[in-house]
Protein backbone atom coordinates (compact mmCIF):
# COMPACT_ATOMS: atom_id res chain seq x y z
CA MET A 1 -0.08 0.20 -0.12
CA ILE A 2 2.77 2.52 0.60
CA LYS A 3 3.89 2.25 -3.10
CA LYS A 4 0.11 3.32 -3.90
CA ILE A 5 0.26 6.05 -1.55
CA ILE A 6 3.66 7.40 -3.05
CA LEU A 7 1.97 6.85 -6.55
CA ILE A 8 -1.01 9.10 -5.62
CA GLY A 9 1.41 11.65 -3.96
CA ILE A 10 3.33 11.80 -7.23
CA LEU A 11 -0.01 12.21 -9.21
CA ILE A 12 -1.26 15.04 -6.86
CA ALA A 13 2.00 16.99 -7.24
CA LEU A 14 2.05 16.72 -11.02
CA ALA A 15 -1.62 17.89 -11.02
CA LEU A 16 -0.72 20.87 -8.80
CA PHE A 17 2.56 21.70 -11.24
CA VAL A 18 -0.30 22.17 -13.80
CA TYR A 19 -1.81 24.98 -11.96
CA TRP A 20 1.00 27.11 -12.91
CA PRO A 21 0.19 30.08 -15.16
CA LYS A 22 1.78 28.37 -18.34
CA PHE A 23 -0.93 26.01 -18.38
CA PRO A 24 -4.14 28.41 -18.34
CA PHE A 25 -7.87 27.18 -18.35
CA ARG A 26 -9.65 27.66 -21.83
CA LEU A 27 -12.84 29.30 -21.22
CA GLY A 28 -15.95 29.47 -23.03
CA LEU A 29 -17.56 32.34 -24.39
CA ASP A 30 -20.17 32.57 -21.44
CA LEU A 31 -17.33 33.15 -19.24
CA LEU A 32 -14.75 34.72 -21.08
CA GLY A 33 -17.08 37.07 -23.39
CA GLY A 34 -17.28 37.44 -27.13
CA ALA A 35 -19.71 36.78 -30.01
CA HIS A 36 -21.63 33.37 -30.73
CA LEU A 37 -22.80 33.33 -34.35
CA VAL A 38 -25.06 30.81 -36.35
CA TYR A 39 -24.76 30.68 -39.97
CA GLN A 40 -27.01 28.93 -42.30
CA ALA A 41 -25.59 27.69 -45.90
CA ASP A 42 -27.75 27.52 -48.86
CA LEU A 43 -27.15 24.05 -50.05
CA ASN A 44 -29.94 24.21 -52.99
CA SER A 45 -27.88 24.14 -55.88
CA ILE A 46 -25.38 21.58 -54.35
CA GLU A 47 -25.73 17.84 -55.40
CA PRO A 48 -26.56 15.62 -51.94
CA SER A 49 -23.46 13.57 -52.37
CA GLU A 50 -21.37 16.74 -52.41
CA ARG A 51 -22.82 18.70 -49.50
CA ASP A 52 -20.59 17.66 -46.68
CA SER A 53 -17.68 18.57 -48.84
CA ALA A 54 -19.24 22.03 -49.52
CA MET A 55 -19.94 22.55 -45.82
CA GLU A 56 -16.29 21.62 -45.04
CA GLY A 57 -15.23 24.28 -47.81
CA VAL A 58 -17.14 26.65 -46.20
CA ARG A 59 -16.01 25.79 -42.64
CA GLY A 60 -12.10 26.20 -43.93
CA VAL A 61 -12.94 29.48 -45.76
CA ILE A 62 -14.41 31.26 -42.90
CA GLU A 63 -11.79 29.56 -40.36
CA ARG A 64 -9.19 31.46 -42.47
CA ARG A 65 -11.00 34.76 -42.38
CA VAL A 66 -11.40 34.67 -38.56
CA ASN A 67 -7.94 34.00 -38.27
CA LEU A 68 -7.04 36.87 -40.14
CA PHE A 69 -9.41 38.90 -37.78
CA GLY A 70 -6.87 38.10 -35.24
CA VAL A 71 -9.09 36.29 -32.67
CA ALA A 72 -7.69 34.20 -29.95
CA GLU A 73 -8.57 30.45 -29.94
CA PRO A 74 -11.57 30.91 -32.37
CA VAL A 75 -14.00 27.71 -32.66
CA VAL A 76 -15.65 27.17 -36.18
CA GLN A 77 -17.67 24.06 -36.33
CA ILE A 78 -20.32 22.50 -38.45
CA SER A 79 -23.61 21.79 -36.74
CA GLY A 80 -26.15 19.61 -38.22
CA ASP A 81 -26.39 19.58 -42.22
CA ASN A 82 -26.21 23.29 -43.42
CA ARG A 83 -25.32 25.06 -40.28
CA LEU A 84 -22.13 26.60 -39.14
CA ILE A 85 -21.23 27.84 -35.83
CA VAL A 86 -18.63 30.57 -35.15
CA GLU A 87 -17.44 31.37 -31.77
CA LEU A 88 -15.04 34.45 -31.24
CA PRO A 89 -13.83 34.87 -27.72
CA GLN A 90 -13.24 38.47 -26.54
CA VAL A 91 -13.74 40.00 -29.86
CA LYS A 92 -14.08 43.59 -29.74
CA ASP A 93 -15.83 44.83 -32.79
CA VAL A 94 -18.39 41.99 -33.58
CA GLY A 95 -19.66 43.90 -36.31
CA GLU A 96 -16.40 44.25 -38.14
CA ALA A 97 -15.96 40.28 -37.56
CA ILE A 98 -19.37 39.74 -39.09
CA LYS A 99 -18.78 41.80 -42.28
CA LEU A 100 -15.35 39.89 -42.67
CA ILE A 101 -17.06 36.53 -42.32
CA GLY A 102 -19.85 37.14 -44.67
CA GLU A 103 -17.65 38.82 -47.24
CA THR A 104 -17.49 37.11 -50.60
CA PRO A 105 -14.98 39.36 -52.66
CA PHE A 106 -15.31 38.45 -56.22
CA LEU A 107 -11.92 38.70 -58.32
CA GLU A 108 -12.42 38.35 -62.10
CA PHE A 109 -10.04 38.99 -65.12
CA LYS A 110 -11.76 40.17 -68.25
CA GLU A 111 -10.52 41.07 -71.77
CA LEU A 112 -11.69 43.50 -74.61
CA ALA A 113 -14.62 42.26 -76.67
CA ALA A 114 -13.61 41.05 -79.99
CA ASP A 115 -15.36 44.25 -81.54
CA PHE A 116 -13.51 46.84 -79.49
CA ASP A 117 -12.70 50.19 -80.78
CA VAL A 118 -9.25 51.14 -81.31
CA ASN A 119 -9.96 54.59 -81.18
CA LYS A 120 -11.67 54.57 -77.73
CA GLU A 121 -9.79 54.47 -74.40
CA ALA A 122 -9.50 51.32 -72.40
CA GLY A 123 -11.89 52.23 -69.62
CA ALA A 124 -14.58 52.89 -72.18
CA GLN A 125 -14.39 49.79 -73.60
CA ASP A 126 -16.69 46.76 -73.18
CA PHE A 127 -14.76 43.77 -71.17
CA ILE A 128 -15.78 40.30 -71.36
CA SER A 129 -15.17 37.69 -68.90
CA THR A 130 -11.86 35.29 -69.51
CA GLY A 131 -12.69 32.40 -67.20
CA LEU A 132 -9.86 33.54 -64.73
CA SER A 133 -11.06 34.47 -61.04
CA GLY A 134 -10.58 34.15 -57.54
CA ARG A 135 -11.57 30.56 -57.61
CA GLN A 136 -8.25 29.57 -59.47
CA LEU A 137 -6.46 31.79 -56.83
CA LYS A 138 -4.02 30.15 -54.80
CA ARG A 139 -2.20 32.59 -52.71
CA ALA A 140 -2.29 36.78 -52.54
CA PHE A 141 0.03 38.89 -50.63
CA LEU A 142 1.09 42.29 -50.17
CA THR A 143 4.30 43.52 -51.76
CA PHE A 144 6.20 46.79 -52.67
CA ASP A 145 8.11 48.09 -55.77
CA PRO A 146 11.62 47.86 -54.57
CA ASN A 147 12.26 51.23 -56.62
CA THR A 148 9.15 53.51 -55.59
CA ASN A 149 8.16 51.43 -52.75
CA ILE A 150 4.54 51.64 -54.14
CA PRO A 151 2.40 48.50 -52.46
CA PHE A 152 0.54 46.58 -54.87
CA VAL A 153 -0.96 42.79 -54.37
CA SER A 154 0.70 39.95 -55.65
CA LEU A 155 -1.03 36.95 -57.10
CA GLU A 156 -0.53 33.33 -57.45
CA PHE A 157 -2.90 31.02 -59.14
CA ASN A 158 -3.17 27.13 -58.96
CA ASP A 159 -2.71 24.84 -62.18
CA GLU A 160 -5.82 25.62 -63.79
CA GLY A 161 -5.39 29.46 -63.22
CA LYS A 162 -1.67 29.37 -64.60
CA SER A 163 -3.02 27.80 -67.85
CA LEU A 164 -5.67 30.01 -68.31
CA LEU A 165 -3.46 33.28 -67.37
CA SER A 166 -1.02 31.97 -70.08
CA GLU A 167 -3.60 31.59 -72.84
CA ILE A 168 -5.19 34.69 -71.88
CA SER A 169 -2.06 36.63 -71.77
CA LYS A 170 -0.77 35.20 -75.27
CA ARG A 171 -3.97 36.30 -77.24
CA ASN A 172 -4.01 39.83 -75.55
CA LEU A 173 -0.24 40.95 -76.19
CA GLY A 174 -0.09 44.84 -76.25
CA ARG A 175 -3.78 44.89 -74.91
CA PRO A 176 -5.28 45.71 -71.54
CA LEU A 177 -6.33 43.07 -69.31
CA ALA A 178 -8.61 44.38 -66.94
CA ILE A 179 -8.98 43.24 -63.21
CA PHE A 180 -12.23 43.48 -61.55
CA LEU A 181 -13.16 43.26 -57.82
CA ASP A 182 -16.84 42.91 -57.02
CA GLY A 183 -17.86 44.10 -60.36
CA LEU A 184 -15.33 47.16 -60.60
CA ALA A 185 -12.33 47.53 -62.36
CA ILE A 186 -9.66 48.18 -59.91
CA SER A 187 -6.57 47.77 -62.37
CA VAL A 188 -6.26 47.73 -66.33
CA PRO A 189 -2.79 46.95 -67.27
CA ILE A 190 -1.33 46.30 -70.56
CA VAL A 191 -0.12 42.90 -71.20
CA GLN A 192 3.48 43.17 -71.95
CA ASP A 193 4.53 39.71 -72.13
CA GLU A 194 3.09 36.04 -72.05
CA ILE A 195 2.46 35.13 -68.33
CA THR A 196 3.58 31.47 -68.29
CA ASP A 197 4.27 31.46 -64.35
CA GLY A 198 0.75 31.88 -63.14
CA LYS A 199 1.88 35.01 -61.18
CA ALA A 200 0.27 38.51 -61.63
CA VAL A 201 0.04 41.88 -59.80
CA ILE A 202 -2.99 44.30 -58.71
CA SER A 203 -1.48 47.70 -58.68
CA GLY A 204 -3.45 51.00 -58.35
CA GLN A 205 -3.63 54.12 -56.11
CA PHE A 206 -3.35 51.93 -52.90
CA THR A 207 -2.17 52.60 -49.63
CA PRO A 208 -0.28 50.07 -47.83
CA ASP A 209 -3.35 49.30 -45.31
CA GLN A 210 -5.49 49.26 -48.47
CA ALA A 211 -3.43 46.83 -50.31
CA ARG A 212 -2.79 44.49 -47.09
CA GLU A 213 -6.72 44.36 -46.68
CA LEU A 214 -7.19 43.46 -50.41
CA ALA A 215 -4.75 41.03 -50.10
CA GLN A 216 -6.14 39.48 -47.02
CA ARG A 217 -9.57 39.37 -48.46
CA LEU A 218 -8.68 37.56 -51.51
CA ALA A 219 -6.28 35.18 -49.64
CA ALA A 220 -9.40 34.07 -47.50
CA GLY A 221 -10.88 32.86 -50.69
CA ALA A 222 -14.68 32.91 -51.89
CA LEU A 223 -17.39 30.90 -50.03
CA PRO A 224 -18.17 27.90 -52.05
CA VAL A 225 -22.11 28.58 -51.27
CA PRO A 226 -24.05 31.57 -50.03
CA ILE A 227 -24.24 31.91 -46.22
CA THR A 228 -26.79 33.60 -43.80
CA LEU A 229 -26.35 35.00 -40.48
CA ILE A 230 -29.32 33.46 -38.66
CA SER A 231 -28.23 33.83 -34.93
CA GLN A 232 -26.02 36.34 -32.99
CA GLN A 233 -25.20 36.27 -29.27
CA THR A 234 -22.88 38.52 -27.72
CA VAL A 235 -21.46 38.16 -24.14
CA GLY A 236 -20.03 40.92 -22.24
CA PRO A 237 -16.49 40.63 -20.71
CA SER A 238 -18.16 42.00 -17.49
CA LEU A 239 -21.13 39.24 -17.67
CA GLY A 240 -18.47 36.76 -18.34
CA LYS A 241 -16.43 37.61 -15.36
CA VAL A 242 -19.61 37.64 -12.92
CA SER A 243 -20.56 34.16 -14.52
CA LEU A 244 -17.01 32.79 -13.81
CA GLU A 245 -16.81 34.04 -9.94
CA GLN A 246 -20.49 32.53 -9.52
CA SER A 247 -19.33 29.14 -11.21
CA LEU A 248 -16.26 28.86 -8.93
CA LYS A 249 -18.28 29.84 -5.81
CA ALA A 250 -20.76 27.07 -6.58
CA GLY A 251 -18.05 24.67 -6.90
CA LEU A 252 -16.28 25.43 -3.47
CA TYR A 253 -19.63 25.77 -1.71
CA GLY A 254 -20.33 22.03 -3.40
CA ILE A 255 -17.14 20.41 -2.27
CA ILE A 256 -17.36 21.86 1.39
CA ALA A 257 -21.07 20.42 1.64
CA LEU A 258 -19.92 17.13 0.34
CA ILE A 259 -16.92 16.87 2.83
CA ALA A 260 -19.04 18.01 5.77
CA PHE A 261 -21.73 15.50 5.08
CA MET A 262 -19.09 12.63 4.88
CA LEU A 263 -17.55 13.75 7.93
CA VAL A 264 -20.77 13.82 9.82
CA PHE A 265 -21.97 10.72 8.75
CA TYR A 266 -19.18 8.42 8.18
CA ARG A 267 -16.58 9.89 10.58
CA LYS A 268 -13.02 8.44 10.01
CA PHE A 269 -14.36 7.30 6.75
CA GLY A 270 -15.18 10.73 5.89
CA LEU A 271 -11.67 11.80 6.27
CA VAL A 272 -10.79 9.07 3.83
CA ALA A 273 -13.50 10.51 1.44
CA PHE A 274 -11.89 14.01 1.84
CA PHE A 275 -8.42 12.88 0.63
CA SER A 276 -10.02 10.89 -2.19
CA LEU A 277 -12.31 13.89 -3.25
CA PHE A 278 -9.01 16.43 -3.15
CA PHE A 279 -7.23 13.88 -5.46
CA TYR A 280 -10.13 13.53 -7.74
CA ALA A 281 -10.77 17.31 -8.13
CA VAL A 282 -6.93 18.34 -8.76
CA SER A 283 -6.77 15.52 -11.02
CA VAL A 284 -9.83 16.35 -13.43
CA LEU A 285 -9.09 20.35 -13.22
CA ALA A 286 -5.56 19.48 -14.54
CA ILE A 287 -6.70 17.25 -17.16
CA PHE A 288 -9.01 20.13 -18.13
CA LYS A 289 -6.22 22.51 -18.77
CA LEU A 290 -3.91 20.04 -20.47
CA LEU A 291 -6.38 18.96 -23.07
CA PRO A 292 -7.27 21.57 -23.09
CA VAL A 293 -11.05 21.42 -22.28
CA THR A 294 -13.21 24.51 -23.08
CA LEU A 295 -15.01 25.18 -19.70
CA THR A 296 -18.58 26.67 -20.11
CA LEU A 297 -21.02 27.28 -17.56
CA ALA A 298 -22.70 23.79 -18.52
CA GLY A 299 -19.13 22.25 -18.64
CA ILE A 300 -18.63 23.34 -14.85
CA ALA A 301 -21.91 22.11 -14.00
CA GLY A 302 -20.55 18.67 -15.24
CA PHE A 303 -17.89 18.70 -13.47
CA ILE A 304 -19.67 19.79 -10.01
CA LEU A 305 -21.98 16.88 -10.91
CA THR A 306 -19.39 14.66 -11.17
CA LEU A 307 -17.81 15.66 -7.38
CA GLY A 308 -21.20 14.39 -6.15
CA MET A 309 -20.76 11.05 -8.15
CA ALA A 310 -17.37 10.54 -6.93
CA VAL A 311 -18.58 10.87 -3.15
CA ASP A 312 -21.68 8.33 -4.40
CA GLY A 313 -18.91 5.77 -4.81
CA ASN A 314 -17.36 6.02 -1.67
CA ILE A 315 -20.74 5.91 0.10
CA LEU A 316 -21.49 3.06 -1.53
CA ILE A 317 -18.11 1.44 -0.44
CA PHE A 318 -18.33 2.65 3.24
CA ALA A 319 -22.01 1.15 3.50
CA ARG A 320 -20.83 -2.13 2.57
CA ILE A 321 -17.73 -2.11 4.69
CA LYS A 322 -19.93 -1.11 7.56
CA GLU A 323 -22.19 -4.06 7.13
CA GLU A 324 -18.85 -6.30 6.90
CA LEU A 325 -17.77 -5.10 10.02
CA LYS A 326 -21.03 -5.74 11.89
CA GLU A 327 -20.81 -9.26 11.06
CA GLY A 328 -17.61 -9.60 13.01
CA LYS A 329 -15.28 -9.74 10.21
CA ASN A 330 -11.91 -8.16 11.02
CA ARG A 331 -10.98 -4.53 9.21
CA GLY A 332 -8.74 -6.04 6.34
CA VAL A 333 -11.30 -8.57 5.28
CA ALA A 334 -14.48 -6.16 5.66
CA ILE A 335 -12.43 -3.70 3.53
CA GLU A 336 -11.96 -6.35 0.80
CA ALA A 337 -15.46 -7.63 0.83
CA GLY A 338 -17.06 -4.10 0.56
CA PHE A 339 -14.97 -3.12 -2.19
CA GLN A 340 -15.86 -6.17 -3.90
CA ARG A 341 -19.69 -5.83 -3.19
CA ALA A 342 -19.66 -2.10 -4.16
CA TRP A 343 -18.08 -2.49 -7.39
CA SER A 344 -20.69 -4.03 -9.61
CA SER A 345 -22.93 -0.99 -8.36
CA ILE A 346 -20.28 1.65 -8.98
CA ARG A 347 -19.41 -0.08 -12.51
CA ASP A 348 -22.91 -0.13 -13.62
CA SER A 349 -23.93 3.12 -12.60
CA GLN A 350 -20.55 5.07 -13.93
CA VAL A 351 -20.93 2.96 -17.23
CA THR A 352 -24.46 4.17 -18.12
CA THR A 353 -23.25 7.75 -17.19
CA LEU A 354 -20.49 7.53 -19.80
CA ILE A 355 -23.21 6.16 -22.37
CA ALA A 356 -25.18 9.00 -21.74
CA ALA A 357 -22.60 11.57 -21.79
CA PHE A 358 -21.16 9.83 -25.11
CA ILE A 359 -24.64 10.38 -26.86
CA LEU A 360 -24.84 13.92 -25.52
CA TYR A 361 -21.86 14.74 -27.09
CA ILE A 362 -22.14 12.91 -30.45
CA PHE A 363 -25.69 14.33 -31.13
CA SER A 364 -25.83 17.66 -29.26
CA THR A 365 -25.08 21.18 -29.80
CA SER A 366 -21.78 23.00 -28.73
CA LEU A 367 -23.11 24.23 -25.50
CA VAL A 368 -24.16 20.54 -24.50
CA LYS A 369 -21.09 19.00 -25.80
CA GLY A 370 -19.00 20.86 -22.86
CA PHE A 371 -21.35 19.29 -20.39
CA ALA A 372 -20.78 16.09 -22.07
CA LEU A 373 -17.25 16.18 -22.21
CA THR A 374 -16.66 17.18 -18.45
CA LEU A 375 -19.08 14.50 -17.38
CA ALA A 376 -17.40 11.98 -19.16
CA ILE A 377 -13.76 12.95 -18.00
CA GLY A 378 -15.15 13.44 -14.48
CA THR A 379 -16.92 10.11 -14.61
CA ILE A 380 -13.75 8.11 -15.65
CA PHE A 381 -11.69 9.57 -12.74
CA SER A 382 -14.49 9.22 -10.16
CA ILE A 383 -14.14 5.40 -10.80
CA PHE A 384 -10.34 5.63 -10.10
CA SER A 385 -10.77 7.90 -7.16
CA SER A 386 -13.38 5.88 -5.74
CA VAL A 387 -11.68 2.12 -6.08
CA TYR A 388 -8.08 2.99 -6.30
CA VAL A 389 -7.40 5.89 -4.19
CA THR A 390 -10.04 5.25 -1.44
CA LYS A 391 -9.02 1.71 -0.95
CA ALA A 392 -5.11 2.76 -0.87
CA PHE A 393 -5.96 5.22 2.04
CA LEU A 394 -8.23 2.94 3.66
CA LYS A 395 -5.61 0.08 3.86
CA SER A 396 -2.92 2.53 4.91
CA ARG A 397 -4.36 3.33 8.22
């Protein structure tokens, strides 16, 4: 038993080490503050077999756009068949974030119509689509002219775009090739040579910030299907702080109440339950930090619930041990028999809880997923705490 106690002590020390600021808790929007956005994608024009792929494409584009916005640890996930949940912790300008997420910049290259008038300026001519657009864009980034330091946007196209650009530039040598963004011509350069490397530039009267913003918008890509914002919830940082404080108080009061109950009704056994509960609490919270688990109000509720479940396992064990002692068995035999008799009840109750948590996590929304995850982690550790840790402490006395 001494070896088990030493092992438990080492695990507690490791768990306490994790509580250093180097390993912060990851808090959800309801505790940290931020924006919770729900978008719905229009998949009517997409074949049923391709809708999952389309939604993954939407998620990827929006994730890139959110990352460009500079939000710390955003969450972008698919919900159901056609909905997307976007969580932006501590975002300061929700309106700007929504604008960035919903934007679909349309980049297109156009050439002069076949019947163009050589006597007219390029700006007064009719242009027609070449088929080269932002869809074939591989990369967009800000660069500066080494001689004049004027900012412009460099473009790199994929293989399809490279082939198109080569054909387009070849047949338009000496002619203007217009670059349109959202239906407006932003640059009308004259093609000097055939472009075979799949690279082009957008120049104009840009400030560095304007060129950078344009490059970011183009780099984020176009959405494969239209999306509509159908729900928006914003949690202020002050409200999140209050929620966090109240949650911590609830957890502390819950632990104190459980310990008091065990000490009153089970005396010395209650002291063992206290050490077991302490091990359980610090271990589970350390796991929450290391994974990391995003803690929401619902997730904290799941953790507090498992505190009671951990004590419930101890109650079953202590009750069985008391029954064995009343029959006149010595302490060592009573402890072994008590654990054996209690194990089937502990196992069955915890396994059914894990099944429920698994179903909730698979089929529920993000808010309930947090509850299900903390419930599952807590349940697994409550089994270890009730059976291994409690038994080690009882046999060491």
